[in-house]
Amino acid sequence: MKASIINIGNSQGIILPSAILKKLNIVSKDEVDIYIDNNAIVIKPKPRMGWKKLFALATETSNSEGDLFEGLANKFDEEEWKWQQ
């Protein structure tokens, strides 16, 4: 995929195709890391992008009064725990 450098005010930039942004789950105003690696410009999404929005959504739809770990047993829970009486 090719793109051209364009003038943006006193700076220059590039327009990123929406398909690329969608694939990386990047939306307008998100922060990204930009750096040079082996003579190439690399743009990476910041870790945990959107976690605040997802956390707010999860807490709105869940019942915080209940046991959040109910039904999440695993093999270790079932076989490895040795309860003392």
PDB file of N, CA and C in Angstrom:
ATOM      1  N   MET A   1       0.846  -1.162   0.000  1.00  0.00           N
ATOM      2  CA  MET A   1       0.000   0.000   0.000  1.00  0.00           C
ATOM      3  C   MET A   1       0.894   1.229   0.000  1.00  0.00           C
ATOM      4  N   LYS A   2       0.551   2.193  -0.824  1.00  0.00           N
ATOM      5  CA  LYS A   2       1.331   3.412  -0.917  1.00  0.00           C
ATOM      6  C   LYS A   2       0.513   4.579  -0.385  1.00  0.00           C
ATOM      7  N   ALA A   3       1.221   5.585   0.130  1.00  0.00           N
ATOM      8  CA  ALA A   3       0.592   6.818   0.596  1.00  0.00           C
ATOM      9  C   ALA A   3       1.548   7.962   0.298  1.00  0.00           C
ATOM     10  N   SER A   4       1.010   9.156   0.207  1.00  0.00           N
ATOM     11  CA  SER A   4       1.827  10.335  -0.066  1.00  0.00           C
ATOM     12  C   SER A   4       1.909  11.212   1.175  1.00  0.00           C
ATOM     13  N   ILE A   5       3.031  11.888   1.326  1.00  0.00           N
ATOM     14  CA  ILE A   5       3.197  12.870   2.395  1.00  0.00           C
ATOM     15  C   ILE A   5       2.419  14.119   1.986  1.00  0.00           C
ATOM     16  N   ILE A   6       1.624  14.663   2.915  1.00  0.00           N
ATOM     17  CA  ILE A   6       0.826  15.854   2.632  1.00  0.00           C
ATOM     18  C   ILE A   6       1.165  16.952   3.622  1.00  0.00           C
ATOM     19  N   ASN A   7       0.897  18.183   3.258  1.00  0.00           N
ATOM     20  CA  ASN A   7       1.088  19.313   4.162  1.00  0.00           C
ATOM     21  C   ASN A   7      -0.107  19.426   5.091  1.00  0.00           C
ATOM     22  N   ILE A   8       0.185  19.589   6.384  1.00  0.00           N
ATOM     23  CA  ILE A   8      -0.841  19.787   7.403  1.00  0.00           C
ATOM     24  C   ILE A   8      -0.389  20.993   8.215  1.00  0.00           C
ATOM     25  N   GLY A   9      -0.879  22.173   7.872  1.00  0.00           N
ATOM     26  CA  GLY A   9      -0.413  23.390   8.526  1.00  0.00           C
ATOM     27  C   GLY A   9       1.061  23.588   8.241  1.00  0.00           C
ATOM     28  N   ASN A  10       1.853  23.793   9.312  1.00  0.00           N
ATOM     29  CA  ASN A  10       3.297  23.950   9.173  1.00  0.00           C
ATOM     30  C   ASN A  10       4.032  22.611   9.229  1.00  0.00           C
ATOM     31  N   SER A  11       3.291  21.527   9.326  1.00  0.00           N
ATOM     32  CA  SER A  11       3.888  20.198   9.425  1.00  0.00           C
ATOM     33  C   SER A  11       3.568  19.396   8.173  1.00  0.00           C
ATOM     34  N   GLN A  12       3.990  18.167   8.191  1.00  0.00           N
ATOM     35  CA  GLN A  12       3.649  17.233   7.122  1.00  0.00           C
ATOM     36  C   GLN A  12       3.136  15.953   7.750  1.00  0.00           C
ATOM     37  N   GLY A  13       2.313  15.231   7.025  1.00  0.00           N
ATOM     38  CA  GLY A  13       1.745  14.015   7.574  1.00  0.00           C
ATOM     39  C   GLY A  13       1.353  13.045   6.492  1.00  0.00           C
ATOM     40  N   ILE A  14       0.670  12.004   6.929  1.00  0.00           N
ATOM     41  CA  ILE A  14       0.207  10.953   6.035  1.00  0.00           C
ATOM     42  C   ILE A  14      -1.191  10.549   6.501  1.00  0.00           C
ATOM     43  N   ILE A  15      -2.059  10.263   5.578  1.00  0.00           N
ATOM     44  CA  ILE A  15      -3.396   9.788   5.925  1.00  0.00           C
ATOM     45  C   ILE A  15      -3.347   8.260   5.940  1.00  0.00           C
ATOM     46  N   LEU A  16      -3.732   7.700   7.075  1.00  0.00           N
ATOM     47  CA  LEU A  16      -3.724   6.243   7.216  1.00  0.00           C
ATOM     48  C   LEU A  16      -5.068   5.679   6.757  1.00  0.00           C
ATOM     49  N   PRO A  17      -5.056   4.658   5.934  1.00  0.00           N
ATOM     50  CA  PRO A  17      -6.309   4.059   5.466  1.00  0.00           C
ATOM     51  C   PRO A  17      -7.135   3.497   6.618  1.00  0.00           C
ATOM     52  N   SER A  18      -8.440   3.668   6.530  1.00  0.00           N
ATOM     53  CA  SER A  18      -9.322   3.216   7.598  1.00  0.00           C
ATOM     54  C   SER A  18      -9.234   1.703   7.817  1.00  0.00           C
ATOM     55  N   ALA A  19      -8.960   0.932   6.777  1.00  0.00           N
ATOM     56  CA  ALA A  19      -8.849  -0.526   6.933  1.00  0.00           C
ATOM     57  C   ALA A  19      -7.696  -0.890   7.874  1.00  0.00           C
ATOM     58  N   ILE A  20      -6.591  -0.158   7.760  1.00  0.00           N
ATOM     59  CA  ILE A  20      -5.449  -0.421   8.636  1.00  0.00           C
ATOM     60  C   ILE A  20      -5.787  -0.044  10.071  1.00  0.00           C
ATOM     61  N   LEU A  21      -6.389   1.131  10.254  1.00  0.00           N
ATOM     62  CA  LEU A  21      -6.759   1.574  11.599  1.00  0.00           C
ATOM     63  C   LEU A  21      -7.765   0.619  12.239  1.00  0.00           C
ATOM     64  N   LYS A  22      -8.722   0.163  11.453  1.00  0.00           N
ATOM     65  CA  LYS A  22      -9.736  -0.762  11.969  1.00  0.00           C
ATOM     66  C   LYS A  22      -9.093  -2.080  12.407  1.00  0.00           C
ATOM     67  N   LYS A  23      -8.160  -2.573  11.596  1.00  0.00           N
ATOM     68  CA  LYS A  23      -7.495  -3.841  11.918  1.00  0.00           C
ATOM     69  C   LYS A  23      -6.718  -3.752  13.230  1.00  0.00           C
ATOM     70  N   LEU A  24      -6.171  -2.567  13.524  1.00  0.00           N
ATOM     71  CA  LEU A  24      -5.398  -2.366  14.754  1.00  0.00           C
ATOM     72  C   LEU A  24      -6.242  -1.808  15.893  1.00  0.00           C
ATOM     73  N   ASN A  25      -7.549  -1.647  15.653  1.00  0.00           N
ATOM     74  CA  ASN A  25      -8.471  -1.117  16.658  1.00  0.00           C
ATOM     75  C   ASN A  25      -8.034   0.270  17.135  1.00  0.00           C
ATOM     76  N   ILE A  26      -7.638   1.115  16.192  1.00  0.00           N
ATOM     77  CA  ILE A  26      -7.247   2.488  16.484  1.00  0.00           C
ATOM     78  C   ILE A  26      -8.354   3.403  15.995  1.00  0.00           C
ATOM     79  N   VAL A  27      -8.800   4.306  16.868  1.00  0.00           N
ATOM     80  CA  VAL A  27      -9.825   5.277  16.490  1.00  0.00           C
ATOM     81  C   VAL A  27      -9.278   6.685  16.684  1.00  0.00           C
ATOM     82  N   SER A  28      -9.994   7.653  16.160  1.00  0.00           N
ATOM     83  CA  SER A  28      -9.589   9.053  16.243  1.00  0.00           C
ATOM     84  C   SER A  28      -9.289   9.450  17.691  1.00  0.00           C
ATOM     85  N   LYS A  29      -8.228  10.170  17.887  1.00  0.00           N
ATOM     86  CA  LYS A  29      -7.760  10.694  19.184  1.00  0.00           C
ATOM     87  C   LYS A  29      -7.010   9.659  20.022  1.00  0.00           C
ATOM     88  N   ASP A  30      -6.935   8.394  19.599  1.00  0.00           N
ATOM     89  CA  ASP A  30      -6.131   7.402  20.325  1.00  0.00           C
ATOM     90  C   ASP A  30      -4.659   7.787  20.227  1.00  0.00           C
ATOM     91  N   GLU A  31      -3.915   7.483  21.266  1.00  0.00           N
ATOM     92  CA  GLU A  31      -2.474   7.705  21.233  1.00  0.00           C
ATOM     93  C   GLU A  31      -1.787   6.485  20.645  1.00  0.00           C
ATOM     94  N   VAL A  32      -0.703   6.730  19.914  1.00  0.00           N
ATOM     95  CA  VAL A  32       0.107   5.662  19.338  1.00  0.00           C
ATOM     96  C   VAL A  32       1.571   5.946  19.634  1.00  0.00           C
ATOM     97  N   ASP A  33       2.393   4.925  19.574  1.00  0.00           N
ATOM     98  CA  ASP A  33       3.839   5.081  19.659  1.00  0.00           C
ATOM     99  C   ASP A  33       4.381   5.172  18.242  1.00  0.00           C
ATOM    100  N   ILE A  34       5.259   6.152  18.003  1.00  0.00           N
ATOM    101  CA  ILE A  34       5.892   6.317  16.704  1.00  0.00           C
ATOM    102  C   ILE A  34       7.396   6.328  16.921  1.00  0.00           C
ATOM    103  N   TYR A  35       8.101   5.477  16.164  1.00  0.00           N
ATOM    104  CA  TYR A  35       9.557   5.440  16.278  1.00  0.00           C
ATOM    105  C   TYR A  35      10.172   4.941  14.979  1.00  0.00           C
ATOM    106  N   ILE A  36      11.463   5.108  14.891  1.00  0.00           N
ATOM    107  CA  ILE A  36      12.196   4.641  13.717  1.00  0.00           C
ATOM    108  C   ILE A  36      12.873   3.329  14.067  1.00  0.00           C
ATOM    109  N   ASP A  37      12.723   2.332  13.205  1.00  0.00           N
ATOM    110  CA  ASP A  37      13.347   1.029  13.404  1.00  0.00           C
ATOM    111  C   ASP A  37      13.899   0.560  12.067  1.00  0.00           C
ATOM    112  N   ASN A  38      15.203   0.403  11.996  1.00  0.00           N
ATOM    113  CA  ASN A  38      15.855  -0.090  10.786  1.00  0.00           C
ATOM    114  C   ASN A  38      15.457   0.739   9.551  1.00  0.00           C
ATOM    115  N   ASN A  39      15.536   2.055   9.736  1.00  0.00           N
ATOM    116  CA  ASN A  39      15.267   3.004   8.651  1.00  0.00           C
ATOM    117  C   ASN A  39      13.811   2.990   8.183  1.00  0.00           C
ATOM    118  N   ALA A  40      12.894   2.592   9.064  1.00  0.00           N
ATOM    119  CA  ALA A  40      11.460   2.596   8.754  1.00  0.00           C
ATOM    120  C   ALA A  40      10.701   3.292   9.873  1.00  0.00           C
ATOM    121  N   ILE A  41       9.623   3.966   9.541  1.00  0.00           N
ATOM    122  CA  ILE A  41       8.757   4.586  10.547  1.00  0.00           C
ATOM    123  C   ILE A  41       7.763   3.530  11.015  1.00  0.00           C
ATOM    124  N   VAL A  42       7.712   3.309  12.323  1.00  0.00           N
ATOM    125  CA  VAL A  42       6.807   2.315  12.905  1.00  0.00           C
ATOM    126  C   VAL A  42       5.768   3.055  13.743  1.00  0.00           C
ATOM    127  N   ILE A  43       4.506   2.737  13.531  1.00  0.00           N
ATOM    128  CA  ILE A  43       3.400   3.294  14.306  1.00  0.00           C
ATOM    129  C   ILE A  43       2.693   2.127  14.979  1.00  0.00           C
ATOM    130  N   LYS A  44       2.691   2.119  16.314  1.00  0.00           N
ATOM    131  CA  LYS A  44       2.072   1.013  17.052  1.00  0.00           C
ATOM    132  C   LYS A  44       1.022   1.545  18.018  1.00  0.00           C
ATOM    133  N   PRO A  45      -0.080   0.819  18.165  1.00  0.00           N
ATOM    134  CA  PRO A  45      -1.065   1.227  19.171  1.00  0.00           C
ATOM    135  C   PRO A  45      -0.463   1.141  20.555  1.00  0.00           C
ATOM    136  N   LYS A  46      -0.869   2.045  21.425  1.00  0.00           N
ATOM    137  CA  LYS A  46      -0.427   1.985  22.818  1.00  0.00           C
ATOM    138  C   LYS A  46      -1.036   0.741  23.453  1.00  0.00           C
ATOM    139  N   PRO A  47      -0.314   0.104  24.364  1.00  0.00           N
ATOM    140  CA  PRO A  47      -0.889  -1.068  25.043  1.00  0.00           C
ATOM    141  C   PRO A  47      -2.167  -0.702  25.794  1.00  0.00           C
ATOM    142  N   ARG A  48      -3.081  -1.647  25.822  1.00  0.00           N
ATOM    143  CA  ARG A  48      -4.332  -1.525  26.567  1.00  0.00           C
ATOM    144  C   ARG A  48      -5.192  -0.377  26.084  1.00  0.00           C
ATOM    145  N   MET A  49      -5.125  -0.107  24.786  1.00  0.00           N
ATOM    146  CA  MET A  49      -5.963   0.957  24.248  1.00  0.00           C
ATOM    147  C   MET A  49      -7.424   0.631  24.495  1.00  0.00           C
ATOM    148  N   GLY A  50      -8.156   1.614  24.940  1.00  0.00           N
ATOM    149  CA  GLY A  50      -9.588   1.454  25.146  1.00  0.00           C
ATOM    150  C   GLY A  50      -9.968   0.719  26.416  1.00  0.00           C
ATOM    151  N   TRP A  51      -9.021   0.421  27.296  1.00  0.00           N
ATOM    152  CA  TRP A  51      -9.351  -0.382  28.478  1.00  0.00           C
ATOM    153  C   TRP A  51     -10.283   0.373  29.414  1.00  0.00           C
ATOM    154  N   LYS A  52     -10.172   1.693  29.508  1.00  0.00           N
ATOM    155  CA  LYS A  52     -11.060   2.448  30.397  1.00  0.00           C
ATOM    156  C   LYS A  52     -12.511   2.321  29.953  1.00  0.00           C
ATOM    157  N   LYS A  53     -12.731   2.441  28.648  1.00  0.00           N
ATOM    158  CA  LYS A  53     -14.088   2.328  28.123  1.00  0.00           C
ATOM    159  C   LYS A  53     -14.634   0.917  28.350  1.00  0.00           C
ATOM    160  N   LEU A  54     -13.815  -0.103  28.093  1.00  0.00           N
ATOM    161  CA  LEU A  54     -14.263  -1.486  28.275  1.00  0.00           C
ATOM    162  C   LEU A  54     -14.518  -1.795  29.751  1.00  0.00           C
ATOM    163  N   PHE A  55     -13.679  -1.271  30.649  1.00  0.00           N
ATOM    164  CA  PHE A  55     -13.883  -1.498  32.077  1.00  0.00           C
ATOM    165  C   PHE A  55     -15.185  -0.853  32.534  1.00  0.00           C
ATOM    166  N   ALA A  56     -15.431   0.380  32.081  1.00  0.00           N
ATOM    167  CA  ALA A  56     -16.675   1.057  32.450  1.00  0.00           C
ATOM    168  C   ALA A  56     -17.878   0.271  31.952  1.00  0.00           C
ATOM    169  N   LEU A  57     -17.817  -0.229  30.730  1.00  0.00           N
ATOM    170  CA  LEU A  57     -18.911  -1.014  30.177  1.00  0.00           C
ATOM    171  C   LEU A  57     -19.121  -2.301  30.985  1.00  0.00           C
ATOM    172  N   ALA A  58     -18.042  -2.959  31.359  1.00  0.00           N
ATOM    173  CA  ALA A  58     -18.142  -4.210  32.123  1.00  0.00           C
ATOM    174  C   ALA A  58     -18.755  -3.967  33.497  1.00  0.00           C
ATOM    175  N   THR A  59     -18.376  -2.878  34.149  1.00  0.00           N
ATOM    176  CA  THR A  59     -18.907  -2.622  35.485  1.00  0.00           C
ATOM    177  C   THR A  59     -20.355  -2.162  35.431  1.00  0.00           C
ATOM    178  N   GLU A  60     -20.768  -1.535  34.331  1.00  0.00           N
ATOM    179  CA  GLU A  60     -22.165  -1.125  34.182  1.00  0.00           C
ATOM    180  C   GLU A  60     -23.084  -2.330  34.021  1.00  0.00           C
ATOM    181  N   THR A  61     -22.592  -3.367  33.358  1.00  0.00           N
ATOM    182  CA  THR A  61     -23.445  -4.508  33.029  1.00  0.00           C
ATOM    183  C   THR A  61     -23.314  -5.679  33.995  1.00  0.00           C
ATOM    184  N   SER A  62     -22.403  -5.586  34.954  1.00  0.00           N
ATOM    185  CA  SER A  62     -22.230  -6.725  35.865  1.00  0.00           C
ATOM    186  C   SER A  62     -22.852  -6.423  37.221  1.00  0.00           C
ATOM    187  N   ASN A  63     -23.087  -7.480  37.967  1.00  0.00           N
ATOM    188  CA  ASN A  63     -23.606  -7.348  39.323  1.00  0.00           C
ATOM    189  C   ASN A  63     -22.427  -7.428  40.277  1.00  0.00           C
ATOM    190  N   SER A  64     -21.979  -6.295  40.768  1.00  0.00           N
ATOM    191  CA  SER A  64     -20.792  -6.276  41.626  1.00  0.00           C
ATOM    192  C   SER A  64     -21.050  -6.883  42.994  1.00  0.00           C
ATOM    193  N   GLU A  65     -22.318  -7.179  43.325  1.00  0.00           N
ATOM    194  CA  GLU A  65     -22.640  -7.774  44.613  1.00  0.00           C
ATOM    195  C   GLU A  65     -22.369  -9.279  44.623  1.00  0.00           C
ATOM    196  N   GLY A  66     -22.308  -9.894  43.449  1.00  0.00           N
ATOM    197  CA  GLY A  66     -22.126 -11.336  43.370  1.00  0.00           C
ATOM    198  C   GLY A  66     -20.658 -11.728  43.358  1.00  0.00           C
ATOM    199  N   ASP A  67     -20.421 -13.026  43.294  1.00  0.00           N
ATOM    200  CA  ASP A  67     -19.067 -13.567  43.213  1.00  0.00           C
ATOM    201  C   ASP A  67     -18.615 -13.511  41.763  1.00  0.00           C
ATOM    202  N   LEU A  68     -17.660 -12.625  41.472  1.00  0.00           N
ATOM    203  CA  LEU A  68     -17.206 -12.447  40.099  1.00  0.00           C
ATOM    204  C   LEU A  68     -16.442 -13.657  39.563  1.00  0.00           C
ATOM    205  N   PHE A  69     -15.998 -14.553  40.459  1.00  0.00           N
ATOM    206  CA  PHE A  69     -15.238 -15.722  40.028  1.00  0.00           C
ATOM    207  C   PHE A  69     -16.099 -16.984  39.967  1.00  0.00           C
ATOM    208  N   GLU A  70     -17.377 -16.841  40.239  1.00  0.00           N
ATOM    209  CA  GLU A  70     -18.272 -17.993  40.199  1.00  0.00           C
ATOM    210  C   GLU A  70     -18.286 -18.598  38.802  1.00  0.00           C
ATOM    211  N   GLY A  71     -18.102 -19.905  38.728  1.00  0.00           N
ATOM    212  CA  GLY A  71     -18.112 -20.609  37.459  1.00  0.00           C
ATOM    213  C   GLY A  71     -16.786 -20.568  36.714  1.00  0.00           C
ATOM    214  N   LEU A  72     -15.744 -20.049  37.335  1.00  0.00           N
ATOM    215  CA  LEU A  72     -14.447 -19.960  36.667  1.00  0.00           C
ATOM    216  C   LEU A  72     -13.444 -20.971  37.215  1.00  0.00           C
ATOM    217  N   ALA A  73     -13.919 -22.084  37.724  1.00  0.00           N
ATOM    218  CA  ALA A  73     -13.023 -23.111  38.255  1.00  0.00           C
ATOM    219  C   ALA A  73     -12.157 -23.680  37.142  1.00  0.00           C
ATOM    220  N   ASN A  74     -10.978 -24.117  37.524  1.00  0.00           N
ATOM    221  CA  ASN A  74     -10.083 -24.732  36.542  1.00  0.00           C
ATOM    222  C   ASN A  74      -9.536 -26.027  37.113  1.00  0.00           C
ATOM    223  N   LYS A  75      -8.712 -26.704  36.369  1.00  0.00           N
ATOM    224  CA  LYS A  75      -8.178 -28.003  36.784  1.00  0.00           C
ATOM    225  C   LYS A  75      -7.426 -27.889  38.118  1.00  0.00           C
ATOM    226  N   PHE A  76      -6.646 -26.818  38.289  1.00  0.00           N
ATOM    227  CA  PHE A  76      -5.907 -26.634  39.542  1.00  0.00           C
ATOM    228  C   PHE A  76      -6.877 -26.535  40.716  1.00  0.00           C
ATOM    229  N   ASP A  77      -7.949 -25.751  40.548  1.00  0.00           N
ATOM    230  CA  ASP A  77      -8.928 -25.600  41.624  1.00  0.00           C
ATOM    231  C   ASP A  77      -9.560 -26.932  41.998  1.00  0.00           C
ATOM    232  N   GLU A  78      -9.819 -27.756  41.006  1.00  0.00           N
ATOM    233  CA  GLU A  78     -10.528 -28.999  41.244  1.00  0.00           C
ATOM    234  C   GLU A  78      -9.628 -30.115  41.767  1.00  0.00           C
ATOM    235  N   GLU A  79      -8.331 -30.117  41.387  1.00  0.00           N
ATOM    236  CA  GLU A  79      -7.477 -31.255  41.720  1.00  0.00           C
ATOM    237  C   GLU A  79      -6.326 -30.934  42.671  1.00  0.00           C
ATOM    238  N   GLU A  80      -5.790 -29.728  42.642  1.00  0.00           N
ATOM    239  CA  GLU A  80      -4.556 -29.438  43.361  1.00  0.00           C
ATOM    240  C   GLU A  80      -4.754 -28.880  44.783  1.00  0.00           C
ATOM    241  N   TRP A  81      -5.871 -28.208  45.006  1.00  0.00           N
ATOM    242  CA  TRP A  81      -6.082 -27.627  46.332  1.00  0.00           C
ATOM    243  C   TRP A  81      -6.266 -28.721  47.373  1.00  0.00           C
ATOM    244  N   LYS A  82      -5.637 -28.567  48.508  1.00  0.00           N
ATOM    245  CA  LYS A  82      -5.809 -29.492  49.612  1.00  0.00           C
ATOM    246  C   LYS A  82      -6.309 -28.667  50.805  1.00  0.00           C
ATOM    247  N   TRP A  83      -7.595 -28.800  51.067  1.00  0.00           N
ATOM    248  CA  TRP A  83      -8.195 -28.025  52.130  1.00  0.00           C
ATOM    249  C   TRP A  83      -7.951 -28.688  53.475  1.00  0.00           C
ATOM    250  N   GLN A  84      -7.558 -27.903  54.451  1.00  0.00           N
ATOM    251  CA  GLN A  84      -7.354 -28.412  55.812  1.00  0.00           C
ATOM    252  C   GLN A  84      -8.588 -28.161  56.630  1.00  0.00           C
ATOM    253  N   GLN A  85      -8.879 -29.138  57.485  1.00  0.00           N
ATOM    254  CA  GLN A  85     -10.074 -28.985  58.332  1.00  0.00           C
ATOM    255  C   GLN A  85      -9.696 -28.655  59.735  1.00  0.00           C
TER     256      GLN A  85
END
